[in-house]
Protein backbone atom coordinates (compact mmCIF):
# COMPACT_ATOMS: atom_id res chain seq x y z
CA UNK A 1 0.00 0.00 0.00
CA UNK A 2 1.44 3.38 -0.95
CA UNK A 3 1.94 6.19 1.54
CA UNK A 4 -0.90 8.38 0.33
CA UNK A 5 -3.37 5.49 0.62
CA UNK A 6 -2.12 4.82 4.15
CA UNK A 7 -2.55 8.51 4.98
CA UNK A 8 -6.05 8.56 3.51
CA UNK A 9 -7.00 5.44 5.49
CA UNK A 10 -5.64 7.00 8.68
CA UNK A 11 -7.64 10.19 8.06
CA UNK A 12 -10.77 8.13 7.44
CA UNK A 13 -10.15 6.24 10.68
CA UNK A 14 -9.71 9.54 12.54
CA UNK A 15 -13.00 10.86 11.17
CA UNK A 16 -14.73 7.62 12.15
CA UNK A 17 -13.29 7.90 15.67
CA UNK A 18 -14.60 11.47 16.00
CA UNK A 19 -18.07 10.54 14.76
CA UNK A 20 -18.36 7.39 16.87
CA UNK A 21 -17.08 9.26 19.94
CA UNK A 22 -19.65 12.00 19.54
CA UNK A 23 -22.36 9.42 18.94
CA UNK A 24 -21.38 7.45 22.05
CA UNK A 25 -21.20 10.53 24.25
CA UNK A 26 -24.50 12.02 23.07
CA UNK A 27 -26.37 8.72 23.38
CA UNK A 28 -25.00 7.77 26.80
CA UNK A 29 -24.61 11.07 28.60
CA UNK A 30 -27.04 11.55 31.48
CA UNK A 31 -29.73 14.16 31.10
CA UNK A 32 -28.95 17.50 32.73
CA UNK A 33 -31.57 20.12 33.59
CA UNK A 34 -31.33 23.24 31.45
CA UNK A 35 -33.13 25.41 33.97
CA UNK A 36 -33.51 24.97 37.74
CA UNK A 37 -37.30 25.24 37.47
CA UNK A 38 -37.52 22.50 34.83
CA UNK A 39 -36.68 19.11 36.32
CA UNK A 40 -35.31 16.14 34.39
CA UNK A 41 -38.26 13.87 33.72
CA UNK A 42 -36.42 10.62 33.07
CA UNK A 43 -33.52 9.11 35.01
CA UNK A 44 -33.09 6.03 32.84
CA UNK A 45 -31.16 7.85 30.10
CA UNK A 46 -27.44 7.38 29.87
CA UNK A 47 -24.87 5.42 31.79
CA UNK A 48 -23.35 6.18 35.18
CA UNK A 49 -21.11 9.24 35.20
CA UNK A 50 -17.97 7.34 36.22
CA UNK A 51 -18.49 4.80 33.43
CA UNK A 52 -19.09 7.65 30.96
CA UNK A 53 -15.87 9.36 32.09
CA UNK A 54 -13.91 6.12 31.64
CA UNK A 55 -15.27 5.58 28.15
CA UNK A 56 -14.60 9.23 27.29
CA UNK A 57 -10.99 8.82 28.41
CA UNK A 58 -10.63 5.67 26.27
CA UNK A 59 -12.07 7.50 23.29
CA UNK A 60 -9.69 10.42 23.85
CA UNK A 61 -6.75 7.99 24.02
CA UNK A 62 -7.84 6.36 20.76
CA UNK A 63 -8.10 9.76 19.09
CA UNK A 64 -4.68 10.84 20.38
CA UNK A 65 -3.08 7.57 19.19
CA UNK A 66 -4.62 8.04 15.78
CA UNK A 67 -3.40 11.64 15.68
CA UNK A 68 0.15 10.44 16.43
CA UNK A 69 -0.12 7.85 13.65
CA UNK A 70 -1.31 10.56 11.26
CA UNK A 71 1.57 12.80 12.26
CA UNK A 72 4.07 9.96 11.70
CA UNK A 73 2.61 9.23 8.26
CA UNK A 74 2.79 12.91 7.31
CA UNK A 75 6.38 13.19 8.57
CA UNK A 76 7.36 10.19 6.42
CA UNK A 77 5.97 11.63 3.20
CA UNK A 78 8.75 12.08 0.65
CA UNK A 79 10.06 15.62 0.46
CA UNK A 80 8.25 16.78 3.58
CA UNK A 81 11.54 17.85 5.16
CA UNK A 82 12.52 19.90 2.11
CA UNK A 83 11.79 23.56 1.64
CA UNK A 84 9.01 24.47 -0.80
CA UNK A 85 11.64 25.76 -3.23
CA UNK A 86 13.53 22.44 -3.12
CA UNK A 87 10.28 20.55 -3.67
CA UNK A 88 9.45 22.74 -6.68
CA UNK A 89 12.95 22.23 -8.07
CA UNK A 90 12.63 18.44 -7.65
CA UNK A 91 9.27 18.50 -9.42
CA UNK A 92 10.77 20.53 -12.27
CA UNK A 93 13.62 18.01 -12.62
CA UNK A 94 11.11 15.15 -12.65
CA UNK A 95 8.99 16.97 -15.24
CA UNK A 96 12.06 17.43 -17.46
CA UNK A 97 13.01 13.76 -17.08
CA UNK A 98 9.44 12.85 -18.00
CA UNK A 99 9.57 15.07 -21.10
CA UNK A 100 12.90 13.50 -22.14
CA UNK A 101 11.49 10.01 -21.63
CA UNK A 102 8.45 10.95 -23.71
CA UNK A 103 10.70 12.09 -26.58
CA UNK A 104 12.68 8.84 -26.37
CA UNK A 105 9.45 6.85 -26.37
CA UNK A 106 8.08 8.71 -29.40
CA UNK A 107 11.37 8.17 -31.28
CA UNK A 108 11.27 4.44 -30.45
CA UNK A 109 7.66 4.18 -31.64
CA UNK A 110 8.55 5.97 -34.89
CA UNK A 111 11.51 3.64 -35.45
CA UNK A 112 9.33 0.60 -34.70
CA UNK A 113 6.75 1.75 -37.26
CA UNK A 114 9.47 2.22 -39.88
CA UNK A 115 10.88 -1.24 -39.15
CA UNK A 116 7.39 -2.71 -39.35
CA UNK A 117 6.95 -1.14 -42.79
CA UNK A 118 10.29 -2.55 -43.94
CA UNK A 119 9.43 -6.02 -42.65
CA UNK A 120 5.98 -5.84 -44.26
CA UNK A 121 7.52 -4.83 -47.62
CA UNK A 122 10.12 -7.59 -47.36
CA UNK A 123 7.42 -10.17 -46.63
CA UNK A 124 5.39 -8.94 -49.61
CA UNK A 125 8.42 -9.27 -51.88
CA UNK A 126 9.08 -12.78 -50.59
CA UNK A 127 5.44 -13.70 -51.11
CA UNK A 128 5.49 -12.27 -54.66
CA UNK A 129 8.72 -14.14 -55.47
CA UNK A 130 7.20 -17.37 -54.17
CA UNK A 131 4.04 -16.85 -56.21
CA UNK A 132 6.08 -16.06 -59.38
CA UNK A 133 8.15 -19.24 -58.95
CA UNK A 134 5.11 -21.41 -58.59
C-alpha atoms as a PDB file:
ATOM      1  CA  UNK A   1       0.000   0.000   0.000  1.00  0.00           C
ATOM      2  CA  UNK A   2       1.439   3.382  -0.949  1.00  0.00           C
ATOM      3  CA  UNK A   3       1.939   6.193   1.545  1.00  0.00           C
ATOM      4  CA  UNK A   4      -0.903   8.376   0.325  1.00  0.00           C
ATOM      5  CA  UNK A   5      -3.368   5.494   0.616  1.00  0.00           C
ATOM      6  CA  UNK A   6      -2.118   4.818   4.152  1.00  0.00           C
ATOM      7  CA  UNK A   7      -2.546   8.507   4.983  1.00  0.00           C
ATOM      8  CA  UNK A   8      -6.048   8.560   3.515  1.00  0.00           C
ATOM      9  CA  UNK A   9      -7.005   5.438   5.492  1.00  0.00           C
ATOM     10  CA  UNK A  10      -5.643   7.002   8.678  1.00  0.00           C
ATOM     11  CA  UNK A  11      -7.640  10.194   8.060  1.00  0.00           C
ATOM     12  CA  UNK A  12     -10.774   8.128   7.439  1.00  0.00           C
ATOM     13  CA  UNK A  13     -10.149   6.243  10.683  1.00  0.00           C
ATOM     14  CA  UNK A  14      -9.710   9.545  12.544  1.00  0.00           C
ATOM     15  CA  UNK A  15     -12.996  10.862  11.167  1.00  0.00           C
ATOM     16  CA  UNK A  16     -14.732   7.621  12.146  1.00  0.00           C
ATOM     17  CA  UNK A  17     -13.291   7.897  15.667  1.00  0.00           C
ATOM     18  CA  UNK A  18     -14.600  11.466  16.003  1.00  0.00           C
ATOM     19  CA  UNK A  19     -18.066  10.538  14.763  1.00  0.00           C
ATOM     20  CA  UNK A  20     -18.363   7.393  16.868  1.00  0.00           C
ATOM     21  CA  UNK A  21     -17.077   9.256  19.937  1.00  0.00           C
ATOM     22  CA  UNK A  22     -19.647  12.002  19.543  1.00  0.00           C
ATOM     23  CA  UNK A  23     -22.358   9.422  18.941  1.00  0.00           C
ATOM     24  CA  UNK A  24     -21.383   7.449  22.048  1.00  0.00           C
ATOM     25  CA  UNK A  25     -21.205  10.531  24.255  1.00  0.00           C
ATOM     26  CA  UNK A  26     -24.496  12.020  23.075  1.00  0.00           C
ATOM     27  CA  UNK A  27     -26.369   8.716  23.380  1.00  0.00           C
ATOM     28  CA  UNK A  28     -24.996   7.771  26.795  1.00  0.00           C
ATOM     29  CA  UNK A  29     -24.608  11.074  28.603  1.00  0.00           C
ATOM     30  CA  UNK A  30     -27.040  11.548  31.479  1.00  0.00           C
ATOM     31  CA  UNK A  31     -29.726  14.158  31.104  1.00  0.00           C
ATOM     32  CA  UNK A  32     -28.947  17.502  32.727  1.00  0.00           C
ATOM     33  CA  UNK A  33     -31.567  20.116  33.587  1.00  0.00           C
ATOM     34  CA  UNK A  34     -31.334  23.243  31.454  1.00  0.00           C
ATOM     35  CA  UNK A  35     -33.132  25.409  33.975  1.00  0.00           C
ATOM     36  CA  UNK A  36     -33.514  24.974  37.744  1.00  0.00           C
ATOM     37  CA  UNK A  37     -37.299  25.240  37.466  1.00  0.00           C
ATOM     38  CA  UNK A  38     -37.523  22.499  34.828  1.00  0.00           C
ATOM     39  CA  UNK A  39     -36.675  19.113  36.319  1.00  0.00           C
ATOM     40  CA  UNK A  40     -35.312  16.145  34.391  1.00  0.00           C
ATOM     41  CA  UNK A  41     -38.261  13.866  33.721  1.00  0.00           C
ATOM     42  CA  UNK A  42     -36.417  10.618  33.068  1.00  0.00           C
ATOM     43  CA  UNK A  43     -33.520   9.114  35.006  1.00  0.00           C
ATOM     44  CA  UNK A  44     -33.091   6.032  32.841  1.00  0.00           C
ATOM     45  CA  UNK A  45     -31.159   7.847  30.100  1.00  0.00           C
ATOM     46  CA  UNK A  46     -27.441   7.381  29.871  1.00  0.00           C
ATOM     47  CA  UNK A  47     -24.874   5.422  31.787  1.00  0.00           C
ATOM     48  CA  UNK A  48     -23.345   6.179  35.181  1.00  0.00           C
ATOM     49  CA  UNK A  49     -21.107   9.239  35.200  1.00  0.00           C
ATOM     50  CA  UNK A  50     -17.967   7.335  36.224  1.00  0.00           C
ATOM     51  CA  UNK A  51     -18.494   4.804  33.427  1.00  0.00           C
ATOM     52  CA  UNK A  52     -19.094   7.645  30.957  1.00  0.00           C
ATOM     53  CA  UNK A  53     -15.873   9.357  32.089  1.00  0.00           C
ATOM     54  CA  UNK A  54     -13.912   6.118  31.640  1.00  0.00           C
ATOM     55  CA  UNK A  55     -15.272   5.579  28.151  1.00  0.00           C
ATOM     56  CA  UNK A  56     -14.600   9.230  27.289  1.00  0.00           C
ATOM     57  CA  UNK A  57     -10.987   8.816  28.412  1.00  0.00           C
ATOM     58  CA  UNK A  58     -10.628   5.672  26.273  1.00  0.00           C
ATOM     59  CA  UNK A  59     -12.069   7.502  23.285  1.00  0.00           C
ATOM     60  CA  UNK A  60      -9.694  10.415  23.855  1.00  0.00           C
ATOM     61  CA  UNK A  61      -6.746   7.994  24.023  1.00  0.00           C
ATOM     62  CA  UNK A  62      -7.840   6.355  20.763  1.00  0.00           C
ATOM     63  CA  UNK A  63      -8.097   9.759  19.093  1.00  0.00           C
ATOM     64  CA  UNK A  64      -4.676  10.842  20.377  1.00  0.00           C
ATOM     65  CA  UNK A  65      -3.078   7.566  19.192  1.00  0.00           C
ATOM     66  CA  UNK A  66      -4.620   8.041  15.781  1.00  0.00           C
ATOM     67  CA  UNK A  67      -3.402  11.642  15.679  1.00  0.00           C
ATOM     68  CA  UNK A  68       0.148  10.439  16.431  1.00  0.00           C
ATOM     69  CA  UNK A  69      -0.123   7.850  13.654  1.00  0.00           C
ATOM     70  CA  UNK A  70      -1.314  10.561  11.261  1.00  0.00           C
ATOM     71  CA  UNK A  71       1.569  12.798  12.265  1.00  0.00           C
ATOM     72  CA  UNK A  72       4.070   9.962  11.701  1.00  0.00           C
ATOM     73  CA  UNK A  73       2.614   9.234   8.261  1.00  0.00           C
ATOM     74  CA  UNK A  74       2.793  12.910   7.312  1.00  0.00           C
ATOM     75  CA  UNK A  75       6.381  13.191   8.566  1.00  0.00           C
ATOM     76  CA  UNK A  76       7.359  10.195   6.418  1.00  0.00           C
ATOM     77  CA  UNK A  77       5.974  11.630   3.203  1.00  0.00           C
ATOM     78  CA  UNK A  78       8.750  12.078   0.648  1.00  0.00           C
ATOM     79  CA  UNK A  79      10.063  15.620   0.457  1.00  0.00           C
ATOM     80  CA  UNK A  80       8.246  16.784   3.580  1.00  0.00           C
ATOM     81  CA  UNK A  81      11.538  17.848   5.164  1.00  0.00           C
ATOM     82  CA  UNK A  82      12.520  19.898   2.105  1.00  0.00           C
ATOM     83  CA  UNK A  83      11.790  23.562   1.640  1.00  0.00           C
ATOM     84  CA  UNK A  84       9.014  24.469  -0.799  1.00  0.00           C
ATOM     85  CA  UNK A  85      11.638  25.762  -3.233  1.00  0.00           C
ATOM     86  CA  UNK A  86      13.527  22.441  -3.120  1.00  0.00           C
ATOM     87  CA  UNK A  87      10.282  20.546  -3.671  1.00  0.00           C
ATOM     88  CA  UNK A  88       9.454  22.740  -6.678  1.00  0.00           C
ATOM     89  CA  UNK A  89      12.953  22.227  -8.067  1.00  0.00           C
ATOM     90  CA  UNK A  90      12.634  18.441  -7.647  1.00  0.00           C
ATOM     91  CA  UNK A  91       9.270  18.498  -9.419  1.00  0.00           C
ATOM     92  CA  UNK A  92      10.773  20.531 -12.265  1.00  0.00           C
ATOM     93  CA  UNK A  93      13.621  18.013 -12.616  1.00  0.00           C
ATOM     94  CA  UNK A  94      11.114  15.151 -12.651  1.00  0.00           C
ATOM     95  CA  UNK A  95       8.993  16.967 -15.244  1.00  0.00           C
ATOM     96  CA  UNK A  96      12.060  17.432 -17.464  1.00  0.00           C
ATOM     97  CA  UNK A  97      13.008  13.764 -17.078  1.00  0.00           C
ATOM     98  CA  UNK A  98       9.438  12.846 -17.996  1.00  0.00           C
ATOM     99  CA  UNK A  99       9.568  15.070 -21.098  1.00  0.00           C
ATOM    100  CA  UNK A 100      12.902  13.500 -22.138  1.00  0.00           C
ATOM    101  CA  UNK A 101      11.493  10.010 -21.632  1.00  0.00           C
ATOM    102  CA  UNK A 102       8.451  10.954 -23.715  1.00  0.00           C
ATOM    103  CA  UNK A 103      10.700  12.089 -26.583  1.00  0.00           C
ATOM    104  CA  UNK A 104      12.684   8.838 -26.368  1.00  0.00           C
ATOM    105  CA  UNK A 105       9.452   6.846 -26.368  1.00  0.00           C
ATOM    106  CA  UNK A 106       8.082   8.712 -29.395  1.00  0.00           C
ATOM    107  CA  UNK A 107      11.367   8.172 -31.282  1.00  0.00           C
ATOM    108  CA  UNK A 108      11.265   4.443 -30.449  1.00  0.00           C
ATOM    109  CA  UNK A 109       7.658   4.185 -31.642  1.00  0.00           C
ATOM    110  CA  UNK A 110       8.552   5.972 -34.895  1.00  0.00           C
ATOM    111  CA  UNK A 111      11.512   3.635 -35.445  1.00  0.00           C
ATOM    112  CA  UNK A 112       9.329   0.598 -34.701  1.00  0.00           C
ATOM    113  CA  UNK A 113       6.745   1.748 -37.259  1.00  0.00           C
ATOM    114  CA  UNK A 114       9.474   2.220 -39.884  1.00  0.00           C
ATOM    115  CA  UNK A 115      10.884  -1.235 -39.150  1.00  0.00           C
ATOM    116  CA  UNK A 116       7.395  -2.709 -39.345  1.00  0.00           C
ATOM    117  CA  UNK A 117       6.945  -1.139 -42.790  1.00  0.00           C
ATOM    118  CA  UNK A 118      10.289  -2.546 -43.942  1.00  0.00           C
ATOM    119  CA  UNK A 119       9.426  -6.024 -42.654  1.00  0.00           C
ATOM    120  CA  UNK A 120       5.975  -5.841 -44.263  1.00  0.00           C
ATOM    121  CA  UNK A 121       7.518  -4.830 -47.621  1.00  0.00           C
ATOM    122  CA  UNK A 122      10.122  -7.585 -47.361  1.00  0.00           C
ATOM    123  CA  UNK A 123       7.422 -10.172 -46.633  1.00  0.00           C
ATOM    124  CA  UNK A 124       5.389  -8.942 -49.612  1.00  0.00           C
ATOM    125  CA  UNK A 125       8.423  -9.271 -51.884  1.00  0.00           C
ATOM    126  CA  UNK A 126       9.077 -12.779 -50.594  1.00  0.00           C
ATOM    127  CA  UNK A 127       5.436 -13.696 -51.108  1.00  0.00           C
ATOM    128  CA  UNK A 128       5.488 -12.267 -54.662  1.00  0.00           C
ATOM    129  CA  UNK A 129       8.720 -14.136 -55.465  1.00  0.00           C
ATOM    130  CA  UNK A 130       7.200 -17.370 -54.169  1.00  0.00           C
ATOM    131  CA  UNK A 131       4.039 -16.851 -56.210  1.00  0.00           C
ATOM    132  CA  UNK A 132       6.077 -16.061 -59.378  1.00  0.00           C
ATOM    133  CA  UNK A 133       8.155 -19.237 -58.947  1.00  0.00           C
ATOM    134  CA  UNK A 134       5.110 -21.412 -58.591  1.00  0.00           C
END
